Amino acid sequence: DTCGGACLWTECERGDTLSTVDLRVDYLRKGRPETLFCDGRTVRLGNRVGVADMMVYHPGQQDQPDQPVATAKAVYNIRRERS
């Protein structure tokens, strides 16, 4: 959720706020007891809604997209700051 929100946040205007509307996580394989990384990608950034995709993987596996530990898709409500 943090990765997806941060991904969209980088494309919002200063003063805009985000809140999670929906988050789906698919756990695909057992994770090892070590640090995990998450990459986020903005799918859509509208005026009121944003969508992000995330992929969780072990260090050194970012170039192996067929081996993620988990994937996620999230929808966020965007509240634009009034000027």
PDB file of N, CA and C in Angstrom:
ATOM      1  N   ASP A   1       0.832  -1.189   0.000  1.00  0.00           N
ATOM      2  CA  ASP A   1       0.000   0.000   0.000  1.00  0.00           C
ATOM      3  C   ASP A   1       0.877   1.253   0.000  1.00  0.00           C
ATOM      4  N   THR A   2       1.936   1.223   0.781  1.00  0.00           N
ATOM      5  CA  THR A   2       2.840   2.371   0.845  1.00  0.00           C
ATOM      6  C   THR A   2       3.530   2.609  -0.491  1.00  0.00           C
ATOM      7  N   CYS A   3       3.972   1.546  -1.128  1.00  0.00           N
ATOM      8  CA  CYS A   3       4.658   1.670  -2.417  1.00  0.00           C
ATOM      9  C   CYS A   3       3.717   2.242  -3.486  1.00  0.00           C
ATOM     10  N   GLY A   4       2.506   1.730  -3.559  1.00  0.00           N
ATOM     11  CA  GLY A   4       1.540   2.224  -4.539  1.00  0.00           C
ATOM     12  C   GLY A   4       1.168   3.671  -4.299  1.00  0.00           C
ATOM     13  N   GLY A   5       0.946   4.021  -3.033  1.00  0.00           N
ATOM     14  CA  GLY A   5       0.623   5.402  -2.700  1.00  0.00           C
ATOM     15  C   GLY A   5       1.766   6.343  -3.025  1.00  0.00           C
ATOM     16  N   ALA A   6       2.993   5.919  -2.718  1.00  0.00           N
ATOM     17  CA  ALA A   6       4.157   6.757  -3.018  1.00  0.00           C
ATOM     18  C   ALA A   6       4.341   6.925  -4.519  1.00  0.00           C
ATOM     19  N   CYS A   7       4.058   5.871  -5.255  1.00  0.00           N
ATOM     20  CA  CYS A   7       4.166   5.916  -6.711  1.00  0.00           C
ATOM     21  C   CYS A   7       3.240   7.000  -7.282  1.00  0.00           C
ATOM     22  N   LEU A   8       1.998   7.017  -6.837  1.00  0.00           N
ATOM     23  CA  LEU A   8       1.046   8.031  -7.308  1.00  0.00           C
ATOM     24  C   LEU A   8       1.381   9.415  -6.751  1.00  0.00           C
ATOM     25  N   TRP A   9       1.826   9.430  -5.511  1.00  0.00           N
ATOM     26  CA  TRP A   9       2.131  10.694  -4.829  1.00  0.00           C
ATOM     27  C   TRP A   9       3.144  11.516  -5.616  1.00  0.00           C
ATOM     28  N   THR A  10       4.113  10.830  -6.238  1.00  0.00           N
ATOM     29  CA  THR A  10       5.156  11.539  -6.990  1.00  0.00           C
ATOM     30  C   THR A  10       4.591  12.265  -8.207  1.00  0.00           C
ATOM     31  N   GLU A  11       3.391  11.912  -8.632  1.00  0.00           N
ATOM     32  CA  GLU A  11       2.788  12.535  -9.810  1.00  0.00           C
ATOM     33  C   GLU A  11       1.672  13.518  -9.454  1.00  0.00           C
ATOM     34  N   CYS A  12       1.389  13.665  -8.162  1.00  0.00           N
ATOM     35  CA  CYS A  12       0.344  14.595  -7.721  1.00  0.00           C
ATOM     36  C   CYS A  12       0.940  15.982  -7.493  1.00  0.00           C
ATOM     37  N   GLU A  13       0.059  16.940  -7.336  1.00  0.00           N
ATOM     38  CA  GLU A  13       0.475  18.310  -7.037  1.00  0.00           C
ATOM     39  C   GLU A  13       0.668  18.468  -5.535  1.00  0.00           C
ATOM     40  N   ARG A  14       1.474  19.430  -5.164  1.00  0.00           N
ATOM     41  CA  ARG A  14       1.695  19.721  -3.749  1.00  0.00           C
ATOM     42  C   ARG A  14       0.367  20.074  -3.081  1.00  0.00           C
ATOM     43  N   GLY A  15       0.094  19.467  -1.940  1.00  0.00           N
ATOM     44  CA  GLY A  15      -1.146  19.722  -1.218  1.00  0.00           C
ATOM     45  C   GLY A  15      -2.238  18.702  -1.489  1.00  0.00           C
ATOM     46  N   ASP A  16      -2.103  17.897  -2.559  1.00  0.00           N
ATOM     47  CA  ASP A  16      -3.078  16.831  -2.829  1.00  0.00           C
ATOM     48  C   ASP A  16      -2.914  15.733  -1.778  1.00  0.00           C
ATOM     49  N   THR A  17      -4.001  15.041  -1.469  1.00  0.00           N
ATOM     50  CA  THR A  17      -3.936  13.928  -0.522  1.00  0.00           C
ATOM     51  C   THR A  17      -4.483  12.664  -1.180  1.00  0.00           C
ATOM     52  N   LEU A  18      -3.998  11.519  -0.700  1.00  0.00           N
ATOM     53  CA  LEU A  18      -4.427  10.216  -1.210  1.00  0.00           C
ATOM     54  C   LEU A  18      -4.987   9.376  -0.082  1.00  0.00           C
ATOM     55  N   SER A  19      -5.978   8.566  -0.393  1.00  0.00           N
ATOM     56  CA  SER A  19      -6.464   7.565   0.551  1.00  0.00           C
ATOM     57  C   SER A  19      -6.781   6.294  -0.230  1.00  0.00           C
ATOM     58  N   THR A  20      -6.516   5.157   0.385  1.00  0.00           N
ATOM     59  CA  THR A  20      -6.713   3.872  -0.272  1.00  0.00           C
ATOM     60  C   THR A  20      -8.187   3.523  -0.342  1.00  0.00           C
ATOM     61  N   VAL A  21      -8.655   3.174  -1.532  1.00  0.00           N
ATOM     62  CA  VAL A  21     -10.031   2.736  -1.735  1.00  0.00           C
ATOM     63  C   VAL A  21     -10.083   1.211  -1.773  1.00  0.00           C
ATOM     64  N   ASP A  22      -9.140   0.589  -2.487  1.00  0.00           N
ATOM     65  CA  ASP A  22      -9.130  -0.862  -2.630  1.00  0.00           C
ATOM     66  C   ASP A  22      -7.695  -1.334  -2.808  1.00  0.00           C
ATOM     67  N   LEU A  23      -7.371  -2.474  -2.209  1.00  0.00           N
ATOM     68  CA  LEU A  23      -6.042  -3.060  -2.332  1.00  0.00           C
ATOM     69  C   LEU A  23      -6.181  -4.565  -2.448  1.00  0.00           C
ATOM     70  N   ARG A  24      -5.638  -5.118  -3.522  1.00  0.00           N
ATOM     71  CA  ARG A  24      -5.661  -6.568  -3.722  1.00  0.00           C
ATOM     72  C   ARG A  24      -4.220  -7.050  -3.783  1.00  0.00           C
ATOM     73  N   VAL A  25      -3.891  -8.052  -2.965  1.00  0.00           N
ATOM     74  CA  VAL A  25      -2.557  -8.634  -2.945  1.00  0.00           C
ATOM     75  C   VAL A  25      -2.665 -10.107  -3.304  1.00  0.00           C
ATOM     76  N   ASP A  26      -1.853 -10.550  -4.262  1.00  0.00           N
ATOM     77  CA  ASP A  26      -1.764 -11.961  -4.625  1.00  0.00           C
ATOM     78  C   ASP A  26      -0.410 -12.474  -4.175  1.00  0.00           C
ATOM     79  N   TYR A  27      -0.418 -13.411  -3.210  1.00  0.00           N
ATOM     80  CA  TYR A  27       0.812 -14.024  -2.720  1.00  0.00           C
ATOM     81  C   TYR A  27       1.127 -15.207  -3.623  1.00  0.00           C
ATOM     82  N   LEU A  28       2.258 -15.164  -4.309  1.00  0.00           N
ATOM     83  CA  LEU A  28       2.559 -16.124  -5.362  1.00  0.00           C
ATOM     84  C   LEU A  28       3.517 -17.223  -4.950  1.00  0.00           C
ATOM     85  N   ARG A  29       4.444 -16.939  -4.049  1.00  0.00           N
ATOM     86  CA  ARG A  29       5.386 -17.962  -3.601  1.00  0.00           C
ATOM     87  C   ARG A  29       5.906 -17.594  -2.221  1.00  0.00           C
ATOM     88  N   LYS A  30       6.491 -18.562  -1.576  1.00  0.00           N
ATOM     89  CA  LYS A  30       7.018 -18.375  -0.234  1.00  0.00           C
ATOM     90  C   LYS A  30       8.210 -17.420  -0.277  1.00  0.00           C
ATOM     91  N   GLY A  31       8.203 -16.452   0.607  1.00  0.00           N
ATOM     92  CA  GLY A  31       9.320 -15.515   0.701  1.00  0.00           C
ATOM     93  C   GLY A  31      10.383 -16.049   1.650  1.00  0.00           C
ATOM     94  N   ARG A  32      11.633 -15.709   1.367  1.00  0.00           N
ATOM     95  CA  ARG A  32      12.727 -16.099   2.252  1.00  0.00           C
ATOM     96  C   ARG A  32      12.819 -15.085   3.389  1.00  0.00           C
ATOM     97  N   PRO A  33      13.389 -15.484   4.532  1.00  0.00           N
ATOM     98  CA  PRO A  33      13.515 -14.556   5.665  1.00  0.00           C
ATOM     99  C   PRO A  33      14.639 -13.543   5.433  1.00  0.00           C
ATOM    100  N   GLU A  34      14.432 -12.662   4.498  1.00  0.00           N
ATOM    101  CA  GLU A  34      15.382 -11.596   4.185  1.00  0.00           C
ATOM    102  C   GLU A  34      14.604 -10.401   3.668  1.00  0.00           C
ATOM    103  N   THR A  35      15.289  -9.329   3.378  1.00  0.00           N
ATOM    104  CA  THR A  35      14.664  -8.100   2.903  1.00  0.00           C
ATOM    105  C   THR A  35      13.922  -8.335   1.594  1.00  0.00           C
ATOM    106  N   LEU A  36      12.762  -7.720   1.472  1.00  0.00           N
ATOM    107  CA  LEU A  36      11.998  -7.744   0.226  1.00  0.00           C
ATOM    108  C   LEU A  36      11.949  -6.333  -0.345  1.00  0.00           C
ATOM    109  N   PHE A  37      11.874  -6.235  -1.657  1.00  0.00           N
ATOM    110  CA  PHE A  37      11.739  -4.953  -2.336  1.00  0.00           C
ATOM    111  C   PHE A  37      10.399  -4.914  -3.059  1.00  0.00           C
ATOM    112  N   CYS A  38       9.881  -3.707  -3.253  1.00  0.00           N
ATOM    113  CA  CYS A  38       8.614  -3.536  -3.958  1.00  0.00           C
ATOM    114  C   CYS A  38       8.777  -2.422  -4.991  1.00  0.00           C
ATOM    115  N   ASP A  39       8.412  -2.729  -6.224  1.00  0.00           N
ATOM    116  CA  ASP A  39       8.399  -1.731  -7.292  1.00  0.00           C
ATOM    117  C   ASP A  39       6.965  -1.358  -7.595  1.00  0.00           C
ATOM    118  N   GLY A  40       6.699  -0.073  -7.745  1.00  0.00           N
ATOM    119  CA  GLY A  40       5.356   0.404  -8.069  1.00  0.00           C
ATOM    120  C   GLY A  40       5.325   1.076  -9.420  1.00  0.00           C
ATOM    121  N   ARG A  41       4.174   0.992 -10.065  1.00  0.00           N
ATOM    122  CA  ARG A  41       3.990   1.603 -11.387  1.00  0.00           C
ATOM    123  C   ARG A  41       2.611   2.225 -11.439  1.00  0.00           C
ATOM    124  N   THR A  42       2.537   3.468 -11.873  1.00  0.00           N
ATOM    125  CA  THR A  42       1.252   4.134 -12.032  1.00  0.00           C
ATOM    126  C   THR A  42       0.566   3.596 -13.282  1.00  0.00           C
ATOM    127  N   VAL A  43      -0.643   3.093 -13.108  1.00  0.00           N
ATOM    128  CA  VAL A  43      -1.441   2.614 -14.235  1.00  0.00           C
ATOM    129  C   VAL A  43      -2.272   3.761 -14.779  1.00  0.00           C
ATOM    130  N   ARG A  44      -2.870   4.518 -13.854  1.00  0.00           N
ATOM    131  CA  ARG A  44      -3.710   5.652 -14.257  1.00  0.00           C
ATOM    132  C   ARG A  44      -3.739   6.675 -13.142  1.00  0.00           C
ATOM    133  N   LEU A  45      -3.649   7.931 -13.507  1.00  0.00           N
ATOM    134  CA  LEU A  45      -3.776   9.021 -12.551  1.00  0.00           C
ATOM    135  C   LEU A  45      -4.804   9.984 -13.106  1.00  0.00           C
ATOM    136  N   GLY A  46      -6.008   9.918 -12.567  1.00  0.00           N
ATOM    137  CA  GLY A  46      -7.068  10.802 -13.010  1.00  0.00           C
ATOM    138  C   GLY A  46      -7.212  11.986 -12.082  1.00  0.00           C
ATOM    139  N   ASN A  47      -8.301  12.700 -12.219  1.00  0.00           N
ATOM    140  CA  ASN A  47      -8.541  13.867 -11.379  1.00  0.00           C
ATOM    141  C   ASN A  47      -8.957  13.466  -9.961  1.00  0.00           C
ATOM    142  N   ARG A  48      -9.654  12.329  -9.827  1.00  0.00           N
ATOM    143  CA  ARG A  48     -10.138  11.899  -8.514  1.00  0.00           C
ATOM    144  C   ARG A  48      -9.701  10.499  -8.109  1.00  0.00           C
ATOM    145  N   VAL A  49      -9.236   9.698  -9.065  1.00  0.00           N
ATOM    146  CA  VAL A  49      -8.867   8.313  -8.778  1.00  0.00           C
ATOM    147  C   VAL A  49      -7.527   7.991  -9.427  1.00  0.00           C
ATOM    148  N   GLY A  50      -6.712   7.224  -8.703  1.00  0.00           N
ATOM    149  CA  GLY A  50      -5.440   6.745  -9.238  1.00  0.00           C
ATOM    150  C   GLY A  50      -5.336   5.248  -9.033  1.00  0.00           C
ATOM    151  N   VAL A  51      -4.637   4.572  -9.941  1.00  0.00           N
ATOM    152  CA  VAL A  51      -4.458   3.122  -9.869  1.00  0.00           C
ATOM    153  C   VAL A  51      -2.969   2.819  -9.993  1.00  0.00           C
ATOM    154  N   ALA A  52      -2.488   1.893  -9.147  1.00  0.00           N
ATOM    155  CA  ALA A  52      -1.077   1.504  -9.178  1.00  0.00           C
ATOM    156  C   ALA A  52      -0.947  -0.014  -9.136  1.00  0.00           C
ATOM    157  N   ASP A  53       0.084  -0.529  -9.810  1.00  0.00           N
ATOM    158  CA  ASP A  53       0.464  -1.941  -9.752  1.00  0.00           C
ATOM    159  C   ASP A  53       1.776  -2.039  -8.981  1.00  0.00           C
ATOM    160  N   MET A  54       1.918  -3.092  -8.176  1.00  0.00           N
ATOM    161  CA  MET A  54       3.144  -3.305  -7.422  1.00  0.00           C
ATOM    162  C   MET A  54       3.618  -4.748  -7.603  1.00  0.00           C
ATOM    163  N   MET A  55       4.940  -4.935  -7.481  1.00  0.00           N
ATOM    164  CA  MET A  55       5.530  -6.264  -7.520  1.00  0.00           C
ATOM    165  C   MET A  55       6.554  -6.359  -6.399  1.00  0.00           C
ATOM    166  N   VAL A  56       6.462  -7.416  -5.589  1.00  0.00           N
ATOM    167  CA  VAL A  56       7.371  -7.642  -4.462  1.00  0.00           C
ATOM    168  C   VAL A  56       8.319  -8.778  -4.832  1.00  0.00           C
ATOM    169  N   TYR A  57       9.608  -8.573  -4.576  1.00  0.00           N
ATOM    170  CA  TYR A  57      10.613  -9.563  -4.964  1.00  0.00           C
ATOM    171  C   TYR A  57      11.797  -9.506  -4.002  1.00  0.00           C
ATOM    172  N   HIS A  58      12.640 -10.532  -4.066  1.00  0.00           N
ATOM    173  CA  HIS A  58      13.864 -10.585  -3.270  1.00  0.00           C
ATOM    174  C   HIS A  58      14.967  -9.797  -3.961  1.00  0.00           C
ATOM    175  N   PRO A  59      15.943  -9.284  -3.205  1.00  0.00           N
ATOM    176  CA  PRO A  59      17.070  -8.564  -3.808  1.00  0.00           C
ATOM    177  C   PRO A  59      17.744  -9.421  -4.877  1.00  0.00           C
ATOM    178  N   GLY A  60      18.131  -8.795  -5.973  1.00  0.00           N
ATOM    179  CA  GLY A  60      18.797  -9.506  -7.049  1.00  0.00           C
ATOM    180  C   GLY A  60      17.847 -10.165  -8.033  1.00  0.00           C
ATOM    181  N   GLN A  61      16.544 -10.080  -7.789  1.00  0.00           N
ATOM    182  CA  GLN A  61      15.574 -10.708  -8.681  1.00  0.00           C
ATOM    183  C   GLN A  61      14.729  -9.703  -9.448  1.00  0.00           C
ATOM    184  N   GLN A  62      15.059  -8.405  -9.380  1.00  0.00           N
ATOM    185  CA  GLN A  62      14.263  -7.410 -10.084  1.00  0.00           C
ATOM    186  C   GLN A  62      14.312  -7.603 -11.593  1.00  0.00           C
ATOM    187  N   ASP A  63      15.340  -8.306 -12.084  1.00  0.00           N
ATOM    188  CA  ASP A  63      15.415  -8.575 -13.515  1.00  0.00           C
ATOM    189  C   ASP A  63      14.764  -9.910 -13.881  1.00  0.00           C
ATOM    190  N   GLN A  64      14.073 -10.527 -12.910  1.00  0.00           N
ATOM    191  CA  GLN A  64      13.363 -11.788 -13.138  1.00  0.00           C
ATOM    192  C   GLN A  64      11.878 -11.598 -12.824  1.00  0.00           C
ATOM    193  N   PRO A  65      11.142 -10.921 -13.697  1.00  0.00           N
ATOM    194  CA  PRO A  65       9.746 -10.618 -13.391  1.00  0.00           C
ATOM    195  C   PRO A  65       8.854 -11.852 -13.287  1.00  0.00           C
ATOM    196  N   ASP A  66       9.355 -13.013 -13.659  1.00  0.00           N
ATOM    197  CA  ASP A  66       8.562 -14.233 -13.554  1.00  0.00           C
ATOM    198  C   ASP A  66       8.718 -14.893 -12.182  1.00  0.00           C
ATOM    199  N   GLN A  67       9.466 -14.274 -11.254  1.00  0.00           N
ATOM    200  CA  GLN A  67       9.692 -14.844  -9.934  1.00  0.00           C
ATOM    201  C   GLN A  67       9.269 -13.931  -8.774  1.00  0.00           C
ATOM    202  N   PRO A  68       8.183 -13.175  -8.889  1.00  0.00           N
ATOM    203  CA  PRO A  68       7.805 -12.303  -7.766  1.00  0.00           C
ATOM    204  C   PRO A  68       7.267 -13.106  -6.590  1.00  0.00           C
ATOM    205  N   VAL A  69       7.457 -12.563  -5.403  1.00  0.00           N
ATOM    206  CA  VAL A  69       6.885 -13.158  -4.191  1.00  0.00           C
ATOM    207  C   VAL A  69       5.398 -12.806  -4.114  1.00  0.00           C
ATOM    208  N   ALA A  70       5.061 -11.593  -4.530  1.00  0.00           N
ATOM    209  CA  ALA A  70       3.669 -11.139  -4.511  1.00  0.00           C
ATOM    210  C   ALA A  70       3.481 -10.026  -5.536  1.00  0.00           C
ATOM    211  N   THR A  71       2.248  -9.864  -5.970  1.00  0.00           N
ATOM    212  CA  THR A  71       1.874  -8.730  -6.812  1.00  0.00           C
ATOM    213  C   THR A  71       0.654  -8.074  -6.178  1.00  0.00           C
ATOM    214  N   ALA A  72       0.431  -6.818  -6.507  1.00  0.00           N
ATOM    215  CA  ALA A  72      -0.702  -6.099  -5.936  1.00  0.00           C
ATOM    216  C   ALA A  72      -1.216  -5.056  -6.916  1.00  0.00           C
ATOM    217  N   LYS A  73      -2.476  -4.711  -6.749  1.00  0.00           N
ATOM    218  CA  LYS A  73      -3.099  -3.611  -7.489  1.00  0.00           C
ATOM    219  C   LYS A  73      -3.902  -2.818  -6.469  1.00  0.00           C
ATOM    220  N   ALA A  74      -3.772  -1.506  -6.535  1.00  0.00           N
ATOM    221  CA  ALA A  74      -4.468  -0.654  -5.576  1.00  0.00           C
ATOM    222  C   ALA A  74      -5.136   0.522  -6.284  1.00  0.00           C
ATOM    223  N   VAL A  75      -6.258   0.945  -5.710  1.00  0.00           N
ATOM    224  CA  VAL A  75      -7.004   2.100  -6.192  1.00  0.00           C
ATOM    225  C   VAL A  75      -7.002   3.136  -5.068  1.00  0.00           C
ATOM    226  N   TYR A  76      -6.713   4.368  -5.418  1.00  0.00           N
ATOM    227  CA  TYR A  76      -6.623   5.447  -4.439  1.00  0.00           C
ATOM    228  C   TYR A  76      -7.548   6.586  -4.813  1.00  0.00           C
ATOM    229  N   ASN A  77      -8.165   7.179  -3.797  1.00  0.00           N
ATOM    230  CA  ASN A  77      -8.947   8.399  -3.972  1.00  0.00           C
ATOM    231  C   ASN A  77      -7.963   9.571  -3.906  1.00  0.00           C
ATOM    232  N   ILE A  78      -8.072  10.486  -4.841  1.00  0.00           N
ATOM    233  CA  ILE A  78      -7.205  11.660  -4.875  1.00  0.00           C
ATOM    234  C   ILE A  78      -8.051  12.882  -4.522  1.00  0.00           C
ATOM    235  N   ARG A  79      -7.615  13.581  -3.526  1.00  0.00           N
ATOM    236  CA  ARG A  79      -8.281  14.811  -3.131  1.00  0.00           C
ATOM    237  C   ARG A  79      -7.385  15.965  -3.518  1.00  0.00           C
ATOM    238  N   ARG A  80      -7.808  16.721  -4.509  1.00  0.00           N
ATOM    239  CA  ARG A  80      -7.000  17.833  -5.008  1.00  0.00           C
ATOM    240  C   ARG A  80      -7.137  19.045  -4.111  1.00  0.00           C
ATOM    241  N   GLU A  81      -6.003  19.702  -3.861  1.00  0.00           N
ATOM    242  CA  GLU A  81      -6.028  20.924  -3.060  1.00  0.00           C
ATOM    243  C   GLU A  81      -6.685  22.019  -3.872  1.00  0.00           C
ATOM    244  N   ARG A  82      -7.576  22.722  -3.228  1.00  0.00           N
ATOM    245  CA  ARG A  82      -8.248  23.843  -3.906  1.00  0.00           C
ATOM    246  C   ARG A  82      -7.353  25.053  -3.886  1.00  0.00           C
ATOM    247  N   SER A  83      -7.269  25.738  -5.011  1.00  0.00           N
ATOM    248  CA  SER A  83      -6.396  26.924  -5.064  1.00  0.00           C
ATOM    249  C   SER A  83      -7.173  28.193  -4.866  1.00  0.00           C
TER     250      SER A  83
END
